[in-house]
Structure formats: C-alpha cells, structure tokens
Amino acid sequence: MGDRATTANMTPEYGATAGLFYIDQNTLDYLTLTGRESEQVKLVENYAKTVGLWADKMTKAVYPRVLEFDLSAVTRNIAGPSNPHAKVATSELKERGIAGVVENRGSFDEVGGLMPDGAVIIAAITSCTNTSNPRNTVAAGLLAKKPTHWG
C-alpha cells in the first residue's frame, strides 16, 4: 500500500496531473493497520462499492485506452533533488566519470580536503512522499551505507 501511495503522490515527477489506485481489501487492511476506526474503514468500503471505485479482481475493468510497453526496456536513472528532469541513466555513469572510480584506482584519494571524483556526497530518495514509505527509506539507507563502506 505504501508503494501505491508513493506512486499516486509523485505525479509531478512523472508528468501527470493525478495518480489514482482502486480501493480493495489491501486498502481496508492498510486503513486498519494505521489506526482508523472500524466505522471509518466500513464507510470507505461501502462508499467505494456504492460509487464503483471498489475493485476485487479488476477483471471487468474497461479502459478508454490501453498502453503497453516492455518493462525490460525500463532503465534505472538518477537525478539531483533540484532538477529531477535532468536524469542520468545509471548505465552512463562510468562513461561520465561518475562511477568506477574505486574499481579503476583501488581507493579514493583525498586532496586538500576536496571531494574526490566519483564521491557520493548525499544518498537520498528525495520525493517528499518517498520519505514516508518505509521500503524507500531503507533503500536510501542501504544506498548511503555502500559509499561509506568505501570511505
């Protein structure tokens, strides 16, 4: 459920106006898990079923347009917090001199208090919604740990 909320709330990052997910038993379980009163959870269920927002299996869903794409063509990217549109594919990091420093040199060389080429200064998942998703917070911690391991 945390991934649904994160994805729906990140619409500016992927160029959409709104992102919505259907309401199902997972939604109700999440509401219960996060301390909602049982009457409120029942209200959400009844409302969703009454107005057609409830989805059990999505087998009868009808869409005005269906987009298909090859997930194997989706690549990992990184971007800075101040300009998320200026993304760089992780596959391009070595050729840009951003990755491979340790493999090529064996260590980072400190020069007069300056950061060496390829040093990771900040490891973060920067969307405001990502920081409230436990899975992504752990991922950011693991990302930060690896460069720290290398010094």
N, C-alpha and C. Protein backbone atom coordinates (compact mmCIF):
# COMPACT_ATOMS: atom_id res chain seq x y z
N MET A 1 0.82 -1.19 0.00
CA MET A 1 0.00 0.00 0.00
C MET A 1 0.87 1.25 0.00
N GLY A 2 1.99 1.19 0.70
CA GLY A 2 2.90 2.33 0.71
C GLY A 2 3.39 2.68 -0.69
N ASP A 3 3.63 1.64 -1.51
CA ASP A 3 4.08 1.89 -2.88
C ASP A 3 2.99 2.55 -3.71
N ARG A 4 1.75 2.15 -3.49
CA ARG A 4 0.63 2.79 -4.21
C ARG A 4 0.55 4.27 -3.85
N ALA A 5 0.62 4.55 -2.56
CA ALA A 5 0.52 5.95 -2.11
C ALA A 5 1.67 6.78 -2.65
N THR A 6 2.86 6.21 -2.63
CA THR A 6 4.03 6.93 -3.14
C THR A 6 3.86 7.23 -4.62
N THR A 7 3.48 6.22 -5.39
CA THR A 7 3.32 6.39 -6.84
C THR A 7 2.23 7.41 -7.16
N ALA A 8 1.10 7.32 -6.47
CA ALA A 8 0.00 8.24 -6.73
C ALA A 8 0.37 9.67 -6.36
N ASN A 9 1.20 9.84 -5.35
CA ASN A 9 1.53 11.17 -4.88
C ASN A 9 2.72 11.80 -5.61
N MET A 10 3.37 11.03 -6.48
CA MET A 10 4.54 11.53 -7.21
C MET A 10 4.19 12.00 -8.62
N THR A 11 2.95 12.34 -8.86
CA THR A 11 2.55 12.71 -10.22
C THR A 11 3.40 13.80 -10.85
N PRO A 12 3.84 14.84 -10.12
CA PRO A 12 4.69 15.84 -10.78
C PRO A 12 5.99 15.23 -11.32
N GLU A 13 6.53 14.24 -10.60
CA GLU A 13 7.78 13.63 -11.03
C GLU A 13 7.64 12.86 -12.33
N TYR A 14 6.45 12.31 -12.59
CA TYR A 14 6.30 11.57 -13.85
C TYR A 14 5.37 12.27 -14.84
N GLY A 15 5.15 13.56 -14.62
CA GLY A 15 4.48 14.39 -15.61
C GLY A 15 2.97 14.25 -15.70
N ALA A 16 2.33 13.74 -14.66
CA ALA A 16 0.88 13.58 -14.69
C ALA A 16 0.22 14.60 -13.76
N THR A 17 -1.08 14.76 -13.93
CA THR A 17 -1.84 15.66 -13.07
C THR A 17 -2.35 14.93 -11.84
N ALA A 18 -2.72 13.67 -11.99
CA ALA A 18 -3.24 12.88 -10.88
C ALA A 18 -2.86 11.43 -11.06
N GLY A 19 -2.73 10.74 -9.96
CA GLY A 19 -2.48 9.30 -9.97
C GLY A 19 -3.41 8.64 -8.97
N LEU A 20 -4.19 7.70 -9.41
CA LEU A 20 -5.17 7.06 -8.55
C LEU A 20 -5.02 5.54 -8.59
N PHE A 21 -5.32 4.90 -7.49
CA PHE A 21 -5.39 3.45 -7.43
C PHE A 21 -6.78 3.08 -6.95
N TYR A 22 -7.26 1.94 -7.38
CA TYR A 22 -8.56 1.44 -6.96
C TYR A 22 -8.55 1.13 -5.47
N ILE A 23 -9.73 0.99 -4.90
CA ILE A 23 -9.87 0.63 -3.49
C ILE A 23 -10.19 -0.85 -3.43
N ASP A 24 -9.47 -1.58 -2.60
CA ASP A 24 -9.67 -3.02 -2.46
C ASP A 24 -9.42 -3.43 -1.01
N GLN A 25 -9.37 -4.72 -0.77
CA GLN A 25 -9.15 -5.21 0.59
C GLN A 25 -7.81 -4.74 1.16
N ASN A 26 -6.80 -4.62 0.30
CA ASN A 26 -5.50 -4.11 0.76
C ASN A 26 -5.64 -2.70 1.32
N THR A 27 -6.48 -1.89 0.69
CA THR A 27 -6.72 -0.53 1.16
C THR A 27 -7.34 -0.56 2.56
N LEU A 28 -8.34 -1.41 2.73
CA LEU A 28 -9.01 -1.51 4.03
C LEU A 28 -8.05 -2.03 5.10
N ASP A 29 -7.22 -3.01 4.74
CA ASP A 29 -6.24 -3.53 5.69
C ASP A 29 -5.27 -2.44 6.11
N TYR A 30 -4.86 -1.61 5.16
CA TYR A 30 -3.93 -0.51 5.46
C TYR A 30 -4.59 0.51 6.40
N LEU A 31 -5.84 0.83 6.13
CA LEU A 31 -6.55 1.78 6.99
C LEU A 31 -6.65 1.24 8.42
N THR A 32 -6.92 -0.05 8.55
CA THR A 32 -6.99 -0.68 9.87
C THR A 32 -5.62 -0.67 10.54
N LEU A 33 -4.60 -1.06 9.79
CA LEU A 33 -3.23 -1.11 10.31
C LEU A 33 -2.74 0.24 10.81
N THR A 34 -3.19 1.30 10.15
CA THR A 34 -2.74 2.65 10.53
C THR A 34 -3.67 3.32 11.54
N GLY A 35 -4.54 2.53 12.18
CA GLY A 35 -5.30 3.03 13.32
C GLY A 35 -6.64 3.66 13.04
N ARG A 36 -7.19 3.50 11.85
CA ARG A 36 -8.52 4.06 11.58
C ARG A 36 -9.57 3.26 12.34
N GLU A 37 -10.59 3.96 12.79
CA GLU A 37 -11.70 3.31 13.49
C GLU A 37 -12.42 2.36 12.53
N SER A 38 -12.95 1.27 13.07
CA SER A 38 -13.62 0.27 12.22
C SER A 38 -14.81 0.88 11.48
N GLU A 39 -15.50 1.85 12.10
CA GLU A 39 -16.62 2.50 11.42
C GLU A 39 -16.14 3.28 10.20
N GLN A 40 -14.99 3.91 10.32
CA GLN A 40 -14.44 4.67 9.20
C GLN A 40 -14.02 3.73 8.07
N VAL A 41 -13.41 2.61 8.42
CA VAL A 41 -12.98 1.63 7.41
C VAL A 41 -14.21 1.08 6.68
N LYS A 42 -15.26 0.80 7.42
CA LYS A 42 -16.50 0.28 6.81
C LYS A 42 -17.12 1.35 5.91
N LEU A 43 -17.06 2.61 6.31
CA LEU A 43 -17.58 3.70 5.49
C LEU A 43 -16.84 3.77 4.15
N VAL A 44 -15.52 3.64 4.19
CA VAL A 44 -14.72 3.66 2.95
C VAL A 44 -15.13 2.50 2.06
N GLU A 45 -15.26 1.32 2.63
CA GLU A 45 -15.65 0.14 1.85
C GLU A 45 -17.03 0.33 1.22
N ASN A 46 -18.00 0.75 2.01
CA ASN A 46 -19.36 0.94 1.50
C ASN A 46 -19.41 2.01 0.41
N TYR A 47 -18.72 3.12 0.64
CA TYR A 47 -18.69 4.20 -0.35
C TYR A 47 -18.08 3.71 -1.66
N ALA A 48 -16.92 3.05 -1.56
CA ALA A 48 -16.23 2.58 -2.77
C ALA A 48 -17.09 1.61 -3.55
N LYS A 49 -17.77 0.74 -2.87
CA LYS A 49 -18.62 -0.24 -3.55
C LYS A 49 -19.85 0.43 -4.16
N THR A 50 -20.39 1.43 -3.48
CA THR A 50 -21.59 2.12 -3.97
C THR A 50 -21.32 2.95 -5.22
N VAL A 51 -20.19 3.65 -5.24
CA VAL A 51 -19.92 4.55 -6.37
C VAL A 51 -19.05 3.92 -7.46
N GLY A 52 -18.72 2.64 -7.32
CA GLY A 52 -17.98 1.94 -8.37
C GLY A 52 -16.48 2.09 -8.31
N LEU A 53 -15.95 2.44 -7.15
CA LEU A 53 -14.49 2.55 -7.00
C LEU A 53 -13.86 1.30 -6.39
N TRP A 54 -14.68 0.32 -6.05
CA TRP A 54 -14.18 -0.91 -5.46
C TRP A 54 -13.71 -1.86 -6.55
N ALA A 55 -12.60 -2.50 -6.33
CA ALA A 55 -12.08 -3.46 -7.31
C ALA A 55 -11.55 -4.68 -6.58
N ASP A 56 -12.14 -5.82 -6.89
CA ASP A 56 -11.65 -7.06 -6.31
C ASP A 56 -10.58 -7.68 -7.20
N LYS A 57 -10.92 -7.93 -8.44
CA LYS A 57 -10.00 -8.62 -9.33
C LYS A 57 -9.66 -7.82 -10.57
N MET A 58 -10.34 -6.73 -10.79
CA MET A 58 -10.12 -5.88 -11.97
C MET A 58 -10.37 -6.62 -13.29
N THR A 59 -11.10 -7.73 -13.24
CA THR A 59 -11.32 -8.50 -14.47
C THR A 59 -12.34 -7.83 -15.38
N LYS A 60 -13.19 -6.97 -14.84
CA LYS A 60 -14.20 -6.31 -15.65
C LYS A 60 -13.85 -4.86 -15.96
N ALA A 61 -12.63 -4.47 -15.67
CA ALA A 61 -12.23 -3.08 -15.90
C ALA A 61 -12.22 -2.77 -17.40
N VAL A 62 -12.76 -1.60 -17.74
CA VAL A 62 -12.78 -1.14 -19.12
C VAL A 62 -12.04 0.19 -19.17
N TYR A 63 -11.07 0.28 -20.06
CA TYR A 63 -10.26 1.49 -20.17
C TYR A 63 -10.45 2.10 -21.55
N PRO A 64 -10.47 3.43 -21.64
CA PRO A 64 -10.64 4.07 -22.95
C PRO A 64 -9.40 3.89 -23.83
N ARG A 65 -8.26 3.63 -23.20
CA ARG A 65 -7.03 3.46 -23.96
C ARG A 65 -6.10 2.55 -23.15
N VAL A 66 -5.44 1.65 -23.81
CA VAL A 66 -4.51 0.74 -23.15
C VAL A 66 -3.12 1.00 -23.70
N LEU A 67 -2.19 1.23 -22.81
CA LEU A 67 -0.79 1.43 -23.20
C LEU A 67 -0.01 0.18 -22.83
N GLU A 68 0.76 -0.31 -23.76
CA GLU A 68 1.61 -1.46 -23.49
C GLU A 68 3.05 -1.07 -23.74
N PHE A 69 3.92 -1.52 -22.85
CA PHE A 69 5.34 -1.28 -23.07
C PHE A 69 6.13 -2.41 -22.44
N ASP A 70 7.34 -2.57 -22.92
CA ASP A 70 8.22 -3.64 -22.49
C ASP A 70 8.96 -3.21 -21.23
N LEU A 71 8.64 -3.83 -20.10
CA LEU A 71 9.28 -3.46 -18.84
C LEU A 71 10.79 -3.68 -18.87
N SER A 72 11.26 -4.59 -19.72
CA SER A 72 12.70 -4.81 -19.79
C SER A 72 13.42 -3.61 -20.41
N ALA A 73 12.67 -2.72 -21.06
CA ALA A 73 13.26 -1.52 -21.66
C ALA A 73 13.37 -0.37 -20.66
N VAL A 74 12.77 -0.53 -19.48
CA VAL A 74 12.82 0.50 -18.46
C VAL A 74 14.18 0.41 -17.76
N THR A 75 14.86 1.54 -17.64
CA THR A 75 16.19 1.54 -17.05
C THR A 75 16.22 2.37 -15.77
N ARG A 76 17.24 2.14 -14.97
CA ARG A 76 17.42 2.92 -13.74
C ARG A 76 18.03 4.27 -14.09
N ASN A 77 17.58 5.29 -13.39
CA ASN A 77 18.09 6.64 -13.59
C ASN A 77 18.34 7.28 -12.24
N ILE A 78 19.21 8.28 -12.24
CA ILE A 78 19.40 9.09 -11.04
C ILE A 78 19.25 10.55 -11.45
N ALA A 79 18.91 11.37 -10.48
CA ALA A 79 18.77 12.81 -10.74
C ALA A 79 18.98 13.54 -9.43
N GLY A 80 19.40 14.77 -9.53
CA GLY A 80 19.59 15.59 -8.34
C GLY A 80 18.27 16.14 -7.84
N PRO A 81 18.23 16.50 -6.57
CA PRO A 81 16.98 16.99 -6.00
C PRO A 81 16.50 18.31 -6.58
N SER A 82 17.42 19.15 -7.08
CA SER A 82 16.99 20.45 -7.57
C SER A 82 16.49 20.41 -9.01
N ASN A 83 16.87 19.40 -9.78
CA ASN A 83 16.35 19.28 -11.14
C ASN A 83 16.11 17.82 -11.50
N PRO A 84 14.97 17.27 -11.04
CA PRO A 84 14.68 15.86 -11.32
C PRO A 84 14.53 15.54 -12.80
N HIS A 85 14.27 16.56 -13.61
CA HIS A 85 14.12 16.34 -15.06
C HIS A 85 15.48 16.07 -15.72
N ALA A 86 16.57 16.43 -15.08
CA ALA A 86 17.91 16.24 -15.65
C ALA A 86 18.45 14.89 -15.19
N LYS A 87 17.80 13.83 -15.61
CA LYS A 87 18.16 12.50 -15.15
C LYS A 87 19.33 11.92 -15.96
N VAL A 88 20.03 10.99 -15.34
CA VAL A 88 21.14 10.30 -15.99
C VAL A 88 20.92 8.81 -15.80
N ALA A 89 20.99 8.05 -16.87
CA ALA A 89 20.86 6.60 -16.76
C ALA A 89 22.07 6.06 -16.00
N THR A 90 21.83 5.12 -15.09
CA THR A 90 22.95 4.56 -14.33
C THR A 90 23.94 3.85 -15.25
N SER A 91 23.49 3.39 -16.39
CA SER A 91 24.40 2.73 -17.34
C SER A 91 25.40 3.72 -17.94
N GLU A 92 25.14 5.02 -17.82
CA GLU A 92 26.04 6.04 -18.38
C GLU A 92 27.01 6.60 -17.34
N LEU A 93 26.93 6.16 -16.11
CA LEU A 93 27.73 6.76 -15.05
C LEU A 93 29.24 6.59 -15.27
N LYS A 94 29.67 5.41 -15.69
CA LYS A 94 31.12 5.20 -15.89
C LYS A 94 31.66 6.10 -16.98
N GLU A 95 30.96 6.17 -18.11
CA GLU A 95 31.47 7.00 -19.21
C GLU A 95 31.47 8.48 -18.86
N ARG A 96 30.64 8.88 -17.90
CA ARG A 96 30.62 10.28 -17.46
C ARG A 96 31.61 10.53 -16.32
N GLY A 97 32.31 9.48 -15.90
CA GLY A 97 33.30 9.64 -14.84
C GLY A 97 32.70 9.70 -13.45
N ILE A 98 31.46 9.27 -13.32
CA ILE A 98 30.79 9.34 -12.02
C ILE A 98 30.91 8.03 -11.26
N ALA A 99 31.05 6.92 -11.98
CA ALA A 99 31.17 5.61 -11.35
C ALA A 99 32.47 4.96 -11.78
N GLY A 100 32.84 3.90 -11.11
CA GLY A 100 34.03 3.17 -11.49
C GLY A 100 35.31 3.71 -10.90
N VAL A 101 35.21 4.73 -10.07
CA VAL A 101 36.42 5.34 -9.51
C VAL A 101 37.18 4.35 -8.64
N VAL A 102 36.48 3.66 -7.75
CA VAL A 102 37.15 2.72 -6.86
C VAL A 102 37.72 1.55 -7.64
N GLU A 103 36.96 1.04 -8.62
CA GLU A 103 37.46 -0.08 -9.41
C GLU A 103 38.72 0.30 -10.18
N ASN A 104 38.76 1.52 -10.70
CA ASN A 104 39.90 1.96 -11.50
C ASN A 104 41.12 2.33 -10.65
N ARG A 105 40.90 2.94 -9.50
CA ARG A 105 42.01 3.42 -8.69
C ARG A 105 42.33 2.53 -7.50
N GLY A 106 41.34 1.79 -7.05
CA GLY A 106 41.54 0.98 -5.85
C GLY A 106 41.15 1.70 -4.57
N SER A 107 41.11 3.04 -4.60
CA SER A 107 40.69 3.80 -3.42
C SER A 107 40.38 5.23 -3.83
N PHE A 108 39.76 5.95 -2.92
CA PHE A 108 39.54 7.37 -3.13
C PHE A 108 40.76 8.12 -2.60
N ASP A 109 41.24 9.08 -3.34
CA ASP A 109 42.37 9.88 -2.90
C ASP A 109 41.88 11.21 -2.37
N GLU A 110 42.23 11.52 -1.13
CA GLU A 110 41.87 12.81 -0.56
C GLU A 110 42.90 13.84 -0.99
N VAL A 111 42.41 14.95 -1.51
CA VAL A 111 43.31 16.01 -1.97
C VAL A 111 42.90 17.30 -1.29
N GLY A 112 43.70 17.72 -0.33
CA GLY A 112 43.47 19.00 0.32
C GLY A 112 42.06 19.25 0.80
N GLY A 113 41.40 18.25 1.34
CA GLY A 113 40.05 18.43 1.85
C GLY A 113 38.97 18.49 0.78
N LEU A 114 39.33 18.30 -0.49
CA LEU A 114 38.35 18.32 -1.57
C LEU A 114 37.75 16.93 -1.74
N MET A 115 36.55 16.91 -2.26
CA MET A 115 35.91 15.63 -2.54
C MET A 115 36.55 15.01 -3.79
N PRO A 116 36.90 13.73 -3.72
CA PRO A 116 37.47 13.09 -4.91
C PRO A 116 36.41 12.86 -5.97
N ASP A 117 36.84 12.73 -7.22
CA ASP A 117 35.91 12.43 -8.30
C ASP A 117 35.16 11.15 -7.99
N GLY A 118 33.86 11.17 -8.22
CA GLY A 118 33.04 9.99 -8.02
C GLY A 118 32.54 9.79 -6.61
N ALA A 119 32.89 10.66 -5.69
CA ALA A 119 32.44 10.50 -4.31
C ALA A 119 30.95 10.75 -4.22
N VAL A 120 30.28 9.93 -3.45
CA VAL A 120 28.85 10.13 -3.20
C VAL A 120 28.74 11.02 -1.97
N ILE A 121 28.21 12.21 -2.17
CA ILE A 121 28.12 13.19 -1.08
C ILE A 121 26.82 13.01 -0.31
N ILE A 122 25.74 12.83 -1.04
CA ILE A 122 24.42 12.66 -0.43
C ILE A 122 23.77 11.45 -1.08
N ALA A 123 23.23 10.55 -0.28
CA ALA A 123 22.45 9.43 -0.79
C ALA A 123 21.04 9.61 -0.25
N ALA A 124 20.10 9.89 -1.11
CA ALA A 124 18.74 10.16 -0.65
C ALA A 124 17.73 9.81 -1.72
N ILE A 125 16.55 9.52 -1.26
CA ILE A 125 15.41 9.40 -2.15
C ILE A 125 14.59 10.63 -1.84
N THR A 126 14.54 11.57 -2.78
CA THR A 126 14.18 12.94 -2.44
C THR A 126 12.72 13.33 -2.53
N SER A 127 11.87 12.53 -3.08
CA SER A 127 10.47 12.93 -3.14
C SER A 127 9.91 12.97 -1.72
N CYS A 128 9.11 13.97 -1.44
CA CYS A 128 8.54 14.09 -0.10
C CYS A 128 7.71 12.86 0.26
N THR A 129 7.11 12.23 -0.73
CA THR A 129 6.29 11.06 -0.45
C THR A 129 7.15 9.82 -0.22
N ASN A 130 8.30 9.76 -0.84
CA ASN A 130 9.17 8.60 -0.66
C ASN A 130 9.69 8.49 0.76
N THR A 131 9.91 9.61 1.41
CA THR A 131 10.47 9.55 2.76
C THR A 131 9.49 8.96 3.76
N SER A 132 8.22 8.90 3.44
CA SER A 132 7.26 8.30 4.35
C SER A 132 6.98 6.84 3.99
N ASN A 133 7.64 6.33 2.97
CA ASN A 133 7.48 4.93 2.58
C ASN A 133 8.63 4.14 3.19
N PRO A 134 8.36 3.26 4.16
CA PRO A 134 9.44 2.55 4.85
C PRO A 134 10.39 1.81 3.90
N ARG A 135 9.86 1.20 2.86
CA ARG A 135 10.71 0.46 1.92
C ARG A 135 11.74 1.40 1.28
N ASN A 136 11.31 2.58 0.90
CA ASN A 136 12.22 3.52 0.25
C ASN A 136 13.21 4.15 1.23
N THR A 137 12.79 4.33 2.47
CA THR A 137 13.70 4.85 3.48
C THR A 137 14.83 3.86 3.73
N VAL A 138 14.50 2.58 3.80
CA VAL A 138 15.53 1.54 3.97
C VAL A 138 16.45 1.52 2.75
N ALA A 139 15.88 1.64 1.55
CA ALA A 139 16.70 1.66 0.33
C ALA A 139 17.69 2.83 0.35
N ALA A 140 17.25 3.99 0.80
CA ALA A 140 18.14 5.15 0.87
C ALA A 140 19.26 4.89 1.87
N GLY A 141 18.94 4.25 2.98
CA GLY A 141 19.96 3.91 3.97
C GLY A 141 20.99 2.94 3.42
N LEU A 142 20.52 1.94 2.69
CA LEU A 142 21.45 0.98 2.08
C LEU A 142 22.31 1.65 1.03
N LEU A 143 21.72 2.55 0.27
CA LEU A 143 22.47 3.30 -0.74
C LEU A 143 23.55 4.15 -0.07
N ALA A 144 23.23 4.76 1.04
CA ALA A 144 24.19 5.60 1.75
C ALA A 144 25.29 4.76 2.41
N LYS A 145 24.97 3.55 2.82
CA LYS A 145 25.94 2.70 3.52
C LYS A 145 27.09 2.27 2.61
N LYS A 146 26.81 1.94 1.37
CA LYS A 146 27.84 1.41 0.48
C LYS A 146 28.98 2.41 0.25
N PRO A 147 28.70 3.66 -0.11
CA PRO A 147 29.81 4.60 -0.27
C PRO A 147 30.57 4.84 1.03
N THR A 148 29.85 4.80 2.15
CA THR A 148 30.51 4.98 3.44
C THR A 148 31.49 3.83 3.68
N HIS A 149 31.10 2.63 3.26
CA HIS A 149 31.96 1.45 3.39
C HIS A 149 33.28 1.66 2.64
N TRP A 150 33.21 2.32 1.48
CA TRP A 150 34.42 2.54 0.68
C TRP A 150 35.25 3.71 1.18
N GLY A 151 34.70 4.49 2.12
CA GLY A 151 35.46 5.60 2.68
C GLY A 151 35.18 6.88 1.98
